[in-house]
């Protein structure tokens, strides 16, 4: 891809990313203001349930891009057409499966939505409307993938993001004029229908010959698709069990009102994480080339730098989050929705611990060891579900939500932060991870201690904006202190920071291409993953770039 195309893809992606982040927070504010926080919690529950039902589809997009990439480059339209036909059929099967699963869950809705009577809405009707909007999105998913396979991500991004912005505008109008949750959900259906129509027109205009041509897929391609989908499926199942089931547990055992308050906090932190993750996204190709071109010893030194960089970045952002989150919730959604400080504390620690995996994931994907820990997410997810249900029962009532989040913290600390580094060091860095464990758990301990120190240093002011600014500046002071200490104590950190910046600018074109092909739905880096995912299709191959950062957000969380 040329640099001009790359700049266009990145520019469109970043622009819509910012607009959608603002829009998602704004629509949540209007939803709470005009209908209530219980409806906000019910809406979050529906999205969580549908994310669970959609887990069978997760990973298919990556398989599509991987398989289509080579025939697209080779100009083999017959094979592209055959793959398009295969994936169209698969998406249809997934859509039917979600409809069946959704209908089967209808009798369980009253039990999953504790205190649903307070919402005053028909659970079956509203869930059905949400289900329709999700199923409709599968009707044109294969055409979106076809557009992305030809690296025209800016087109699909524009269509999808414009559809979401249209949805937000319609929903705000409906909330202000009717205060109806039913009409609010109908706006989703209208927006998806618009996306469907525009996608059909664009895809048929640009790739009509491929869509109309009917070809059969060979057995070898089916085998590759199956293997890729299985590998991605296992990682995505773990993600859903860890991040989505928490919301269902909170709703079922505590109530939709508490879920609404909890998701107000997590919506802000996940939006923030999706932005700062962009600091790692374009680096995967650089690291992938390094594994091919340089020695393993250099790779270990670079990984040490990136882990330190990961820590500094996490300290700055998550201390800032903790210092101002209550003020943000009060300003955006209302002071009555500010939750106990203990909840903000465990949410901050949980997301910090998850973000501290970013450097390991970066090197894991770039080195092609993604396949080797495919069972880890399943174990992580199942343990998280068991502990969440246990802790929500045994923790005191005022700390029920804390118990659910603590379960996630435990699974991250004692599964992900042990298994992922072990696999990376064994298969890519070719050494013992002993010192990594000491350094990593030390970083987590330092952050936790610093957060407690920040907690006792924060000030209380009657004005929310002034309190936000004052505590924000205090968190900056703490962050700068830790960052300065790291820079002074680590000569390698200073050296490699300069080195990495130099390489990024020197390799601006390939790095730009890496990001340029990175925006399916909420800017996931799936097409670039397709270019470099040969290790998953052949786990015995020598180290090769594999650039698929894990998705941080469910595709349904609009």
Protein backbone atom coordinates (compact mmCIF):
# COMPACT_ATOMS: atom_id res chain seq x y z
CA UNK A 1 0.00 0.00 0.00
CA UNK A 2 1.26 3.46 -0.81
CA UNK A 3 1.84 6.10 1.82
CA UNK A 4 -1.02 8.25 0.55
CA UNK A 5 -3.51 5.41 1.08
CA UNK A 6 -2.05 4.76 4.51
CA UNK A 7 -2.41 8.37 5.60
CA UNK A 8 -6.01 8.39 4.37
CA UNK A 9 -6.89 5.23 6.31
CA UNK A 10 -5.23 6.45 9.51
CA UNK A 11 -6.73 9.95 9.30
CA UNK A 12 -10.26 8.64 8.80
CA UNK A 13 -9.80 6.09 11.58
CA UNK A 14 -8.53 8.60 14.14
CA UNK A 15 -11.17 11.20 13.27
CA UNK A 16 -14.07 8.79 13.65
CA UNK A 17 -12.49 7.24 16.74
CA UNK A 18 -12.64 10.57 18.54
CA UNK A 19 -16.16 11.35 17.33
CA UNK A 20 -17.46 7.94 18.38
CA UNK A 21 -15.85 8.14 21.81
CA UNK A 22 -17.53 11.50 22.44
CA UNK A 23 -20.80 10.22 20.97
CA UNK A 24 -20.88 7.08 23.10
CA UNK A 25 -20.44 9.05 26.33
CA UNK A 26 -22.99 11.64 25.21
CA UNK A 27 -25.65 9.06 24.38
CA UNK A 28 -25.09 7.37 27.75
CA UNK A 29 -25.62 10.73 29.45
CA UNK A 30 -28.93 11.29 27.63
CA UNK A 31 -30.05 7.71 28.27
CA UNK A 32 -29.56 8.13 32.02
CA UNK A 33 -31.05 11.62 32.10
CA UNK A 34 -34.26 10.90 30.19
CA UNK A 35 -34.97 7.22 30.95
CA UNK A 36 -32.91 6.33 34.02
CA UNK A 37 -29.85 4.45 35.15
CA UNK A 38 -31.79 1.16 35.42
CA UNK A 39 -32.46 1.29 31.68
CA UNK A 40 -28.79 2.08 31.14
CA UNK A 41 -27.94 -1.08 33.08
CA UNK A 42 -30.50 -3.10 31.12
CA UNK A 43 -29.03 -1.86 27.85
CA UNK A 44 -25.55 -2.93 29.04
CA UNK A 45 -26.93 -6.35 30.03
CA UNK A 46 -28.42 -6.89 26.56
CA UNK A 47 -25.11 -6.01 24.95
CA UNK A 48 -23.24 -8.40 27.25
CA UNK A 49 -25.64 -11.26 26.50
CA UNK A 50 -25.35 -10.69 22.77
CA UNK A 51 -21.56 -10.54 23.03
CA UNK A 52 -21.66 -13.99 24.62
CA UNK A 53 -23.98 -15.29 21.90
CA UNK A 54 -21.70 -13.80 19.22
CA UNK A 55 -18.58 -15.53 20.52
CA UNK A 56 -18.89 -18.22 17.83
CA UNK A 57 -18.28 -15.56 15.17
CA UNK A 58 -15.27 -13.97 16.91
CA UNK A 59 -12.10 -14.57 14.95
CA UNK A 60 -13.84 -15.10 11.62
CA UNK A 61 -12.91 -11.63 10.38
CA UNK A 62 -9.23 -12.40 10.96
CA UNK A 63 -9.55 -15.64 9.03
CA UNK A 64 -11.29 -13.83 6.18
CA UNK A 65 -8.57 -11.21 5.82
CA UNK A 66 -5.80 -13.78 6.17
CA UNK A 67 -7.19 -15.99 3.42
CA UNK A 68 -8.17 -13.17 1.07
CA UNK A 69 -4.93 -11.23 1.30
CA UNK A 70 -2.75 -13.37 -0.98
CA UNK A 71 -5.31 -13.86 -3.77
CA UNK A 72 -6.08 -10.12 -3.66
CA UNK A 73 -2.39 -9.30 -4.09
CA UNK A 74 -2.05 -11.94 -6.83
CA UNK A 75 -5.13 -10.65 -8.63
CA UNK A 76 -6.80 -14.07 -8.32
CA UNK A 77 -10.40 -12.87 -8.39
CA UNK A 78 -11.75 -16.39 -8.76
CA UNK A 79 -10.33 -17.42 -5.39
CA UNK A 80 -11.43 -14.16 -3.77
CA UNK A 81 -14.94 -14.82 -5.07
CA UNK A 82 -14.86 -18.37 -3.70
CA UNK A 83 -13.77 -17.12 -0.28
CA UNK A 84 -16.42 -14.41 -0.34
CA UNK A 85 -19.08 -17.04 -1.01
CA UNK A 86 -17.77 -19.23 1.81
CA UNK A 87 -17.78 -16.43 4.34
CA UNK A 88 -21.20 -15.18 3.28
CA UNK A 89 -22.55 -18.63 4.08
CA UNK A 90 -20.71 -18.77 7.41
CA UNK A 91 -22.04 -15.38 8.47
CA UNK A 92 -25.56 -16.53 7.63
CA UNK A 93 -25.07 -19.62 9.81
CA UNK A 94 -23.81 -17.46 12.68
CA UNK A 95 -26.78 -15.12 12.31
CA UNK A 96 -29.23 -18.04 12.55
CA UNK A 97 -27.32 -19.43 15.56
CA UNK A 98 -27.58 -16.08 17.36
CA UNK A 99 -31.31 -15.87 16.64
CA UNK A 100 -31.82 -19.38 18.04
CA UNK A 101 -29.62 -18.67 21.07
CA UNK A 102 -31.35 -15.36 21.73
CA UNK A 103 -34.80 -16.93 21.56
CA UNK A 104 -33.68 -19.74 23.88
CA UNK A 105 -32.53 -17.15 26.43
CA UNK A 106 -35.84 -15.28 26.52
CA UNK A 107 -37.26 -17.28 29.47
CA UNK A 108 -34.08 -16.56 31.47
CA UNK A 109 -34.17 -12.77 31.02
CA UNK A 110 -36.14 -12.02 34.23
CA UNK A 111 -33.53 -13.97 36.21
CA UNK A 112 -30.57 -12.29 34.51
CA UNK A 113 -32.02 -8.80 35.08
CA UNK A 114 -32.55 -8.55 38.81
CA UNK A 115 -34.94 -5.75 39.81
CA UNK A 116 -36.05 -5.47 36.17
CA UNK A 117 -39.52 -4.48 37.36
CA UNK A 118 -38.12 -1.06 38.25
CA UNK A 119 -37.39 -0.40 34.59
CA UNK A 120 -41.04 -0.53 33.53
CA UNK A 121 -40.21 -2.02 30.11
CA UNK A 122 -41.08 -5.25 28.34
CA UNK A 123 -37.92 -7.37 28.56
CA UNK A 124 -38.84 -9.66 25.68
CA UNK A 125 -39.74 -6.87 23.24
CA UNK A 126 -36.69 -4.73 24.00
CA UNK A 127 -34.26 -7.64 23.92
CA UNK A 128 -35.83 -8.79 20.66
CA UNK A 129 -35.25 -5.39 19.08
CA UNK A 130 -31.61 -5.43 20.17
CA UNK A 131 -31.27 -8.96 18.77
CA UNK A 132 -32.69 -7.87 15.40
CA UNK A 133 -30.17 -5.03 15.07
CA UNK A 134 -27.26 -7.39 15.79
CA UNK A 135 -28.44 -10.12 13.42
CA UNK A 136 -28.93 -7.56 10.64
CA UNK A 137 -25.27 -6.57 10.91
CA UNK A 138 -24.24 -10.08 9.80
CA UNK A 139 -26.14 -9.71 6.56
CA UNK A 140 -23.44 -7.47 5.08
CA UNK A 141 -20.37 -8.45 7.14
CA UNK A 142 -18.83 -10.45 4.30
CA UNK A 143 -19.04 -7.41 2.00
CA UNK A 144 -17.34 -5.26 4.65
CA UNK A 145 -14.57 -7.85 4.88
CA UNK A 146 -14.25 -7.85 1.09
CA UNK A 147 -13.77 -4.08 1.08
CA UNK A 148 -11.16 -4.38 3.85
CA UNK A 149 -9.35 -7.19 2.06
CA UNK A 150 -8.56 -4.69 -0.71
CA UNK A 151 -7.22 -2.31 1.96
CA UNK A 152 -9.98 0.22 1.52
CA UNK A 153 -10.55 0.35 5.26
CA UNK A 154 -11.32 4.04 5.14
CA UNK A 155 -14.46 3.19 3.15
CA UNK A 156 -15.81 0.62 5.61
CA UNK A 157 -14.75 2.82 8.53
CA UNK A 158 -16.64 5.77 7.09
CA UNK A 159 -19.78 3.69 6.50
CA UNK A 160 -19.75 2.01 9.92
CA UNK A 161 -18.83 5.12 11.87
CA UNK A 162 -21.29 7.33 10.00
CA UNK A 163 -23.97 4.76 10.75
CA UNK A 164 -23.13 4.88 14.44
CA UNK A 165 -23.14 8.66 14.48
CA UNK A 166 -26.54 8.62 12.75
CA UNK A 167 -27.71 6.17 15.41
CA UNK A 168 -26.54 8.48 18.21
CA UNK A 169 -28.27 11.51 16.69
CA UNK A 170 -31.55 9.63 16.19
CA UNK A 171 -31.38 8.19 19.71
CA UNK A 172 -30.81 11.59 21.30
CA UNK A 173 -33.78 13.02 19.39
CA UNK A 174 -35.95 10.07 20.45
CA UNK A 175 -34.85 10.27 24.09
CA UNK A 176 -35.58 13.99 24.31
CA UNK A 177 -38.94 13.81 22.53
CA UNK A 178 -40.40 10.43 23.59
CA UNK A 179 -38.35 9.05 26.53
CA UNK A 180 -39.01 5.62 25.00
CA UNK A 181 -36.53 2.75 25.29
CA UNK A 182 -38.37 0.92 22.50
CA UNK A 183 -37.88 3.77 20.02
CA UNK A 184 -34.29 4.11 21.27
CA UNK A 185 -33.65 0.51 20.17
CA UNK A 186 -35.50 0.97 16.90
CA UNK A 187 -32.96 3.70 16.09
CA UNK A 188 -30.28 0.98 16.19
CA UNK A 189 -32.20 -1.01 13.59
CA UNK A 190 -32.60 2.04 11.35
CA UNK A 191 -28.88 2.87 11.57
CA UNK A 192 -27.84 -0.72 10.79
CA UNK A 193 -30.25 -0.77 7.84
CA UNK A 194 -28.61 2.37 6.47
CA UNK A 195 -25.15 0.82 6.86
CA UNK A 196 -26.39 -2.33 5.13
CA UNK A 197 -27.79 -0.38 2.18
CA UNK A 198 -24.72 1.81 1.69
CA UNK A 199 -22.36 -1.18 2.03
CA UNK A 200 -24.34 -3.11 -0.58
CA UNK A 201 -24.16 -0.20 -3.03
CA UNK A 202 -20.43 0.44 -2.53
CA UNK A 203 -19.40 -3.23 -2.56
CA UNK A 204 -21.40 -4.07 -5.66
CA UNK A 205 -20.10 -1.00 -7.46
CA UNK A 206 -16.44 -1.72 -6.69
CA UNK A 207 -16.43 -5.53 -6.58
CA UNK A 208 -19.58 -6.54 -8.45
CA UNK A 209 -17.75 -9.07 -10.63
CA UNK A 210 -16.39 -10.85 -7.53
CA UNK A 211 -19.78 -10.87 -5.80
CA UNK A 212 -21.61 -12.21 -8.86
CA UNK A 213 -19.02 -14.89 -9.66
CA UNK A 214 -19.68 -18.23 -7.98
CA UNK A 215 -16.62 -20.35 -7.22
CA UNK A 216 -15.97 -23.33 -4.95
CA UNK A 217 -13.38 -23.20 -2.16
CA UNK A 218 -10.65 -25.84 -2.23
CA UNK A 219 -10.07 -28.21 0.69
CA UNK A 220 -6.70 -26.70 1.67
CA UNK A 221 -8.20 -23.23 2.09
CA UNK A 222 -11.00 -24.62 4.22
CA UNK A 223 -8.39 -26.29 6.41
CA UNK A 224 -6.46 -23.03 6.88
CA UNK A 225 -9.66 -21.11 7.68
CA UNK A 226 -10.70 -23.71 10.23
CA UNK A 227 -7.33 -23.64 11.99
CA UNK A 228 -7.22 -19.85 12.14
CA UNK A 229 -10.77 -19.54 13.40
CA UNK A 230 -10.13 -22.12 16.12
CA UNK A 231 -7.05 -20.31 17.38
CA UNK A 232 -8.75 -16.91 17.41
CA UNK A 233 -11.96 -18.38 18.80
CA UNK A 234 -10.22 -19.69 21.92
CA UNK A 235 -8.66 -16.33 22.69
CA UNK A 236 -11.92 -14.49 22.11
CA UNK A 237 -13.90 -16.94 24.29
CA UNK A 238 -11.53 -16.17 27.14
CA UNK A 239 -11.98 -12.44 26.58
CA UNK A 240 -15.77 -12.73 26.62
CA UNK A 241 -15.78 -14.90 29.75
CA UNK A 242 -13.55 -12.43 31.58
CA UNK A 243 -14.97 -9.09 30.46
CA UNK A 244 -18.57 -9.77 29.46
CA UNK A 245 -19.72 -12.32 31.99
CA UNK A 246 -18.82 -9.88 34.79
CA UNK A 247 -21.67 -7.63 33.66
CA UNK A 248 -24.12 -10.54 33.54
CA UNK A 249 -23.11 -11.66 37.05
CA UNK A 250 -23.56 -8.13 38.41
CA UNK A 251 -26.98 -7.82 36.75
CA UNK A 252 -28.20 -11.26 37.85
CA UNK A 253 -26.98 -11.15 41.45
CA UNK A 254 -26.93 -7.43 42.31
CA UNK A 255 -29.28 -5.65 39.89
CA UNK A 256 -29.47 -3.70 36.64
CA UNK A 257 -29.23 -0.39 38.50
CA UNK A 258 -25.83 -1.31 39.96
CA UNK A 259 -24.76 -2.61 36.56
CA UNK A 260 -25.63 0.76 35.04
CA UNK A 261 -23.49 2.56 37.61
CA UNK A 262 -20.61 0.12 37.11
CA UNK A 263 -20.66 0.47 33.32
CA UNK A 264 -20.49 4.25 33.64
CA UNK A 265 -17.06 3.79 35.19
CA UNK A 266 -15.89 1.10 32.78
CA UNK A 267 -17.14 2.97 29.70
CA UNK A 268 -14.74 5.81 30.48
CA UNK A 269 -11.74 3.60 31.21
CA UNK A 270 -12.25 1.38 28.15
CA UNK A 271 -12.52 4.47 25.95
CA UNK A 272 -9.26 5.72 27.41
CA UNK A 273 -7.55 2.34 26.95
CA UNK A 274 -8.65 2.16 23.32
CA UNK A 275 -6.82 5.42 22.70
CA UNK A 276 -3.57 4.70 24.56
CA UNK A 277 -3.39 1.24 22.97
CA UNK A 278 -2.66 3.11 19.72
CA UNK A 279 0.81 3.68 21.21
CA UNK A 280 1.47 -0.03 20.60
CA UNK A 281 -0.52 -0.75 17.45
CA UNK A 282 1.98 0.56 14.84
CA UNK A 283 4.94 -1.02 16.63
CA UNK A 284 4.02 -4.63 15.95
CA UNK A 285 5.45 -4.63 12.42
CA UNK A 286 8.69 -3.08 13.68
CA UNK A 287 9.01 -5.79 16.34
CA UNK A 288 8.11 -8.48 13.82
CA UNK A 289 10.92 -7.34 11.49
CA UNK A 290 13.29 -7.22 14.44
CA UNK A 291 12.66 -10.89 15.26
CA UNK A 292 13.61 -11.76 11.68
CA UNK A 293 16.52 -9.37 11.22
CA UNK A 294 18.19 -9.17 14.63
CA UNK A 295 19.42 -11.52 17.36
CA UNK A 296 17.34 -13.00 20.16
CA UNK A 297 19.52 -11.11 22.62
CA UNK A 298 18.46 -7.81 21.04
CA UNK A 299 14.84 -8.96 21.18
CA UNK A 300 15.14 -9.56 24.92
CA UNK A 301 16.61 -6.10 25.44
CA UNK A 302 13.87 -4.47 23.38
CA UNK A 303 11.23 -6.39 25.31
CA UNK A 304 12.66 -5.12 28.59
CA UNK A 305 12.41 -1.58 27.25
CA UNK A 306 8.83 -2.04 26.07
CA UNK A 307 7.80 -3.51 29.39
CA UNK A 308 9.22 -0.43 31.12
CA UNK A 309 7.51 1.85 28.60
CA UNK A 310 4.27 -0.06 29.21
CA UNK A 311 4.62 0.55 32.94
CA UNK A 312 5.31 4.29 32.61
CA UNK A 313 2.39 4.78 30.23
CA UNK A 314 0.05 2.81 32.50
CA UNK A 315 1.11 4.74 35.60
CA UNK A 316 0.43 8.10 33.96
CA UNK A 317 -3.00 7.21 32.60
CA UNK A 318 -4.39 5.03 35.38
CA UNK A 319 -3.31 7.28 38.22
CA UNK A 320 -4.99 10.07 36.27
CA UNK A 321 -8.11 7.94 35.83
CA UNK A 322 -8.35 7.17 39.53
CA UNK A 323 -7.87 10.80 40.52
CA UNK A 324 -10.71 12.20 38.38
CA UNK A 325 -13.13 9.35 37.66
CA UNK A 326 -15.66 10.27 40.35
CA UNK A 327 -15.72 13.86 39.13
CA UNK A 328 -16.15 12.75 35.52
CA UNK A 329 -19.06 10.46 36.41
CA UNK A 330 -20.70 13.25 38.42
CA UNK A 331 -20.26 15.77 35.58
CA UNK A 332 -21.27 13.45 32.75
CA UNK A 333 -23.98 11.31 34.33
CA UNK A 334 -24.97 12.88 37.65
CA UNK A 335 -23.55 13.06 41.18
CA UNK A 336 -26.10 10.47 42.41
CA UNK A 337 -24.35 7.85 40.25
CA UNK A 338 -20.95 8.21 41.91
CA UNK A 339 -20.13 4.80 43.41
CA UNK A 340 -18.11 3.81 46.47
CA UNK A 341 -14.44 4.70 46.29
CA UNK A 342 -13.51 1.04 46.75
CA UNK A 343 -15.17 0.25 43.41
CA UNK A 344 -13.18 2.93 41.59
CA UNK A 345 -10.05 1.57 43.26
CA UNK A 346 -10.49 -2.06 42.15
CA UNK A 347 -11.58 -0.99 38.64
CA UNK A 348 -8.36 1.03 38.33
CA UNK A 349 -6.16 -1.82 39.58
CA UNK A 350 -7.96 -4.31 37.33
CA UNK A 351 -7.49 -2.29 34.15
CA UNK A 352 -3.91 -1.40 35.09
CA UNK A 353 -3.08 -5.09 35.48
CA UNK A 354 -4.74 -5.90 32.16
CA UNK A 355 -2.90 -3.07 30.41
CA UNK A 356 0.43 -4.28 31.81
CA UNK A 357 0.02 -7.31 29.53
CA UNK A 358 0.26 -5.08 26.47
CA UNK A 359 4.04 -5.38 25.99
CA UNK A 360 3.88 -9.17 26.31
CA UNK A 361 1.00 -9.34 23.84
CA UNK A 362 2.87 -7.06 21.45
CA UNK A 363 5.91 -9.35 21.37
CA UNK A 364 3.82 -12.51 21.45
CA UNK A 365 1.93 -11.54 18.32
CA UNK A 366 4.98 -10.11 16.53
CA UNK A 367 7.01 -13.28 17.20
CA UNK A 368 4.26 -15.69 16.17
CA UNK A 369 3.70 -17.38 19.54
CA UNK A 370 0.01 -16.52 19.53
CA UNK A 371 -0.96 -20.13 18.82
CA UNK A 372 1.10 -21.63 21.64
CA UNK A 373 -1.03 -20.30 24.50
CA UNK A 374 -4.41 -20.84 22.88
CA UNK A 375 -5.73 -22.82 25.87
CA UNK A 376 -4.88 -20.13 28.41
CA UNK A 377 -7.91 -17.86 27.72
CA UNK A 378 -10.33 -20.76 28.22
CA UNK A 379 -8.84 -21.59 31.64
CA UNK A 380 -8.75 -17.89 32.53
CA UNK A 381 -12.37 -17.38 31.53
CA UNK A 382 -13.76 -20.42 33.34
CA UNK A 383 -11.88 -19.56 36.54
CA UNK A 384 -13.13 -15.98 36.33
CA UNK A 385 -16.76 -17.09 36.00
CA UNK A 386 -16.44 -19.46 38.98
CA UNK A 387 -14.70 -16.91 41.20
CA UNK A 388 -17.09 -14.09 40.21
CA UNK A 389 -20.13 -16.12 41.26
CA UNK A 390 -18.38 -17.26 44.45
CA UNK A 391 -17.20 -13.80 45.49
CA UNK A 392 -20.50 -12.07 44.74
CA UNK A 393 -22.01 -14.51 47.23
CA UNK A 394 -19.38 -14.41 49.99
CA UNK A 395 -18.40 -10.73 49.94
CA UNK A 396 -20.50 -8.40 52.14
CA UNK A 397 -23.43 -6.82 50.29
CA UNK A 398 -21.81 -3.40 50.02
CA UNK A 399 -18.75 -5.00 48.40
CA UNK A 400 -20.47 -7.38 45.95
CA UNK A 401 -19.21 -5.54 42.85
CA UNK A 402 -15.74 -5.37 44.39
CA UNK A 403 -15.81 -9.17 44.68
CA UNK A 404 -16.64 -9.61 40.99
CA UNK A 405 -13.75 -7.35 39.95
CA UNK A 406 -11.36 -9.00 42.41
CA UNK A 407 -12.10 -12.30 40.66
CA UNK A 408 -10.91 -10.79 37.37
CA UNK A 409 -7.80 -9.39 39.04
CA UNK A 410 -6.92 -12.81 40.43
CA UNK A 411 -7.30 -14.58 37.09
CA UNK A 412 -5.15 -11.96 35.38
CA UNK A 413 -2.42 -12.07 38.02
CA UNK A 414 -2.15 -15.81 38.37
CA UNK A 415 -2.91 -17.03 34.85
CA UNK A 416 -2.28 -14.36 32.20
CA UNK A 417 0.73 -12.74 33.87
CA UNK A 418 2.33 -16.17 34.32
CA UNK A 419 1.43 -18.12 31.18
CA UNK A 420 1.87 -15.40 28.54
CA UNK A 421 5.45 -14.45 29.59
CA UNK A 422 6.36 -18.14 29.93
CA UNK A 423 5.25 -18.85 26.36
CA UNK A 424 6.96 -15.74 25.02
CA UNK A 425 10.29 -16.44 26.73
CA UNK A 426 10.22 -20.15 25.85
CA UNK A 427 9.37 -19.88 22.15
CA UNK A 428 10.57 -16.40 21.15
CA UNK A 429 13.08 -14.95 23.62
CA UNK A 430 14.73 -18.31 24.37
CA UNK A 431 15.46 -17.67 28.03
CA UNK A 432 14.01 -17.95 31.52
CA UNK A 433 11.25 -15.46 32.49
CA UNK A 434 12.32 -15.44 36.15
CA UNK A 435 13.56 -11.85 36.22
CA UNK A 436 10.57 -10.71 34.19
CA UNK A 437 8.24 -12.05 36.86
CA UNK A 438 10.16 -10.19 39.58
CA UNK A 439 10.13 -6.95 37.59
CA UNK A 440 6.49 -7.26 36.49
CA UNK A 441 4.99 -8.04 39.87
CA UNK A 442 7.23 -5.34 41.34
CA UNK A 443 5.73 -2.82 38.91
CA UNK A 444 2.21 -3.84 39.92
CA UNK A 445 3.10 -3.49 43.60
CA UNK A 446 4.63 -0.05 43.02
CA UNK A 447 1.54 1.16 41.17
CA UNK A 448 -0.82 -0.14 43.86
CA UNK A 449 1.21 1.53 46.61
CA UNK A 450 1.37 4.78 44.63
CA UNK A 451 -2.39 4.71 44.07
CA UNK A 452 -2.97 4.41 47.82
CA UNK A 453 -0.59 7.32 48.40
CA UNK A 454 -2.48 9.32 45.77
CA UNK A 455 -5.77 8.41 47.45
CA UNK A 456 -4.69 9.99 50.73
CA UNK A 457 -3.24 13.02 48.94
CA UNK A 458 -6.38 13.96 47.01
CA UNK A 459 -8.32 17.04 48.02
CA UNK A 460 -12.04 17.64 48.38
CA UNK A 461 -13.56 20.78 46.86
CA UNK A 462 -17.24 21.65 46.51
CA UNK A 463 -16.89 22.51 42.81
CA UNK A 464 -16.59 19.34 40.67
CA UNK A 465 -14.48 20.99 37.96
CA UNK A 466 -12.04 22.53 40.43
CA UNK A 467 -11.72 19.23 42.30
CA UNK A 468 -11.11 17.41 39.03
CA UNK A 469 -8.34 19.83 38.03
CA UNK A 470 -6.71 19.83 41.47
CA UNK A 471 -6.63 16.05 41.81
CA UNK A 472 -5.58 15.70 38.19
CA UNK A 473 -2.54 17.86 38.85
CA UNK A 474 -1.74 15.83 41.97
CA UNK A 475 -1.82 12.60 39.94
CA UNK A 476 0.46 14.19 37.33
CA UNK A 477 2.95 14.99 40.09
CA UNK A 478 2.95 11.36 41.25
CA UNK A 479 3.25 10.11 37.66
CA UNK A 480 6.13 12.43 36.85
CA UNK A 481 7.93 11.30 39.99
CA UNK A 482 7.74 7.63 39.00
CA UNK A 483 8.57 8.35 35.35
CA UNK A 484 11.61 10.42 36.34
CA UNK A 485 12.79 7.66 38.69
CA UNK A 486 12.47 5.07 35.92
CA UNK A 487 14.35 7.25 33.43
CA UNK A 488 17.15 7.96 35.93
CA UNK A 489 17.52 4.34 37.01
CA UNK A 490 17.33 2.75 33.55
CA UNK A 491 19.97 3.71 31.02
CA UNK A 492 18.51 1.15 28.60
CA UNK A 493 15.12 2.85 28.83
CA UNK A 494 16.59 6.20 27.81
CA UNK A 495 18.67 4.62 25.04
CA UNK A 496 15.92 2.53 23.51
CA UNK A 497 13.35 5.31 23.72
CA UNK A 498 15.55 7.31 21.37
CA UNK A 499 16.21 4.22 19.26
CA UNK A 500 12.56 3.27 18.89
CA UNK A 501 11.53 6.81 17.96
CA UNK A 502 14.25 6.86 15.34
CA UNK A 503 13.11 3.54 13.87
CA UNK A 504 9.48 4.62 13.85
CA UNK A 505 10.29 7.70 11.80
CA UNK A 506 12.76 5.82 9.62
CA UNK A 507 10.21 3.11 8.91
CA UNK A 508 7.27 5.45 8.78
CA UNK A 509 5.93 3.86 5.64
CA UNK A 510 5.64 0.25 6.88
CA UNK A 511 4.53 1.44 10.30
CA UNK A 512 1.86 3.59 8.68
CA UNK A 513 0.76 0.64 6.60
CA UNK A 514 0.45 -1.43 9.75
CA UNK A 515 -1.99 1.04 11.24
CA UNK A 516 -3.58 1.90 7.94
CA UNK A 517 -5.09 -1.52 7.58
CA UNK A 518 -6.36 -1.41 11.12
CA UNK A 519 -9.97 -0.51 11.56
CA UNK A 520 -12.69 -3.13 11.59
CA UNK A 521 -15.60 -1.86 13.72
CA UNK A 522 -13.80 -0.27 16.68
CA UNK A 523 -10.37 0.04 15.03
CA UNK A 524 -9.14 -3.52 15.67
CA UNK A 525 -5.93 -4.34 13.82
CA UNK A 526 -7.26 -7.28 11.89
CA UNK A 527 -6.07 -6.73 8.36
CA UNK A 528 -2.50 -6.15 9.39
CA UNK A 529 -2.77 -9.34 11.43
CA UNK A 530 -3.78 -11.09 8.22
CA UNK A 531 -0.57 -10.05 6.51
CA UNK A 532 1.59 -11.56 9.20
CA UNK A 533 -0.34 -14.43 10.70
CA UNK A 534 1.42 -17.28 8.96
CA UNK A 535 2.58 -18.72 12.26
CA UNK A 536 -0.95 -19.48 13.36
CA UNK A 537 -1.63 -21.35 10.15
CA UNK A 538 1.72 -23.10 10.57
CA UNK A 539 2.81 -23.20 14.23
CA UNK A 540 5.95 -25.13 13.36
CA UNK A 541 7.22 -22.40 11.09
CA UNK A 542 10.17 -20.29 12.09
CA UNK A 543 9.53 -17.01 13.82
CA UNK A 544 7.47 -14.69 11.63
CA UNK A 545 5.56 -11.52 12.28
CA UNK A 546 2.06 -11.97 13.59
CA UNK A 547 0.37 -8.68 14.19
CA UNK A 548 -3.01 -9.07 15.81
CA UNK A 549 -3.42 -7.13 19.02
CA UNK A 550 -6.32 -8.61 20.98
CA UNK A 551 -9.58 -6.82 20.80
CA UNK A 552 -10.19 -4.66 23.89
CA UNK A 553 -13.87 -3.99 23.11
CA UNK A 554 -16.82 -6.17 22.17
CA UNK A 555 -18.10 -5.36 18.73
CA UNK A 556 -21.60 -4.92 20.11
CA UNK A 557 -20.73 -2.28 22.69
CA UNK A 558 -22.14 0.69 20.89
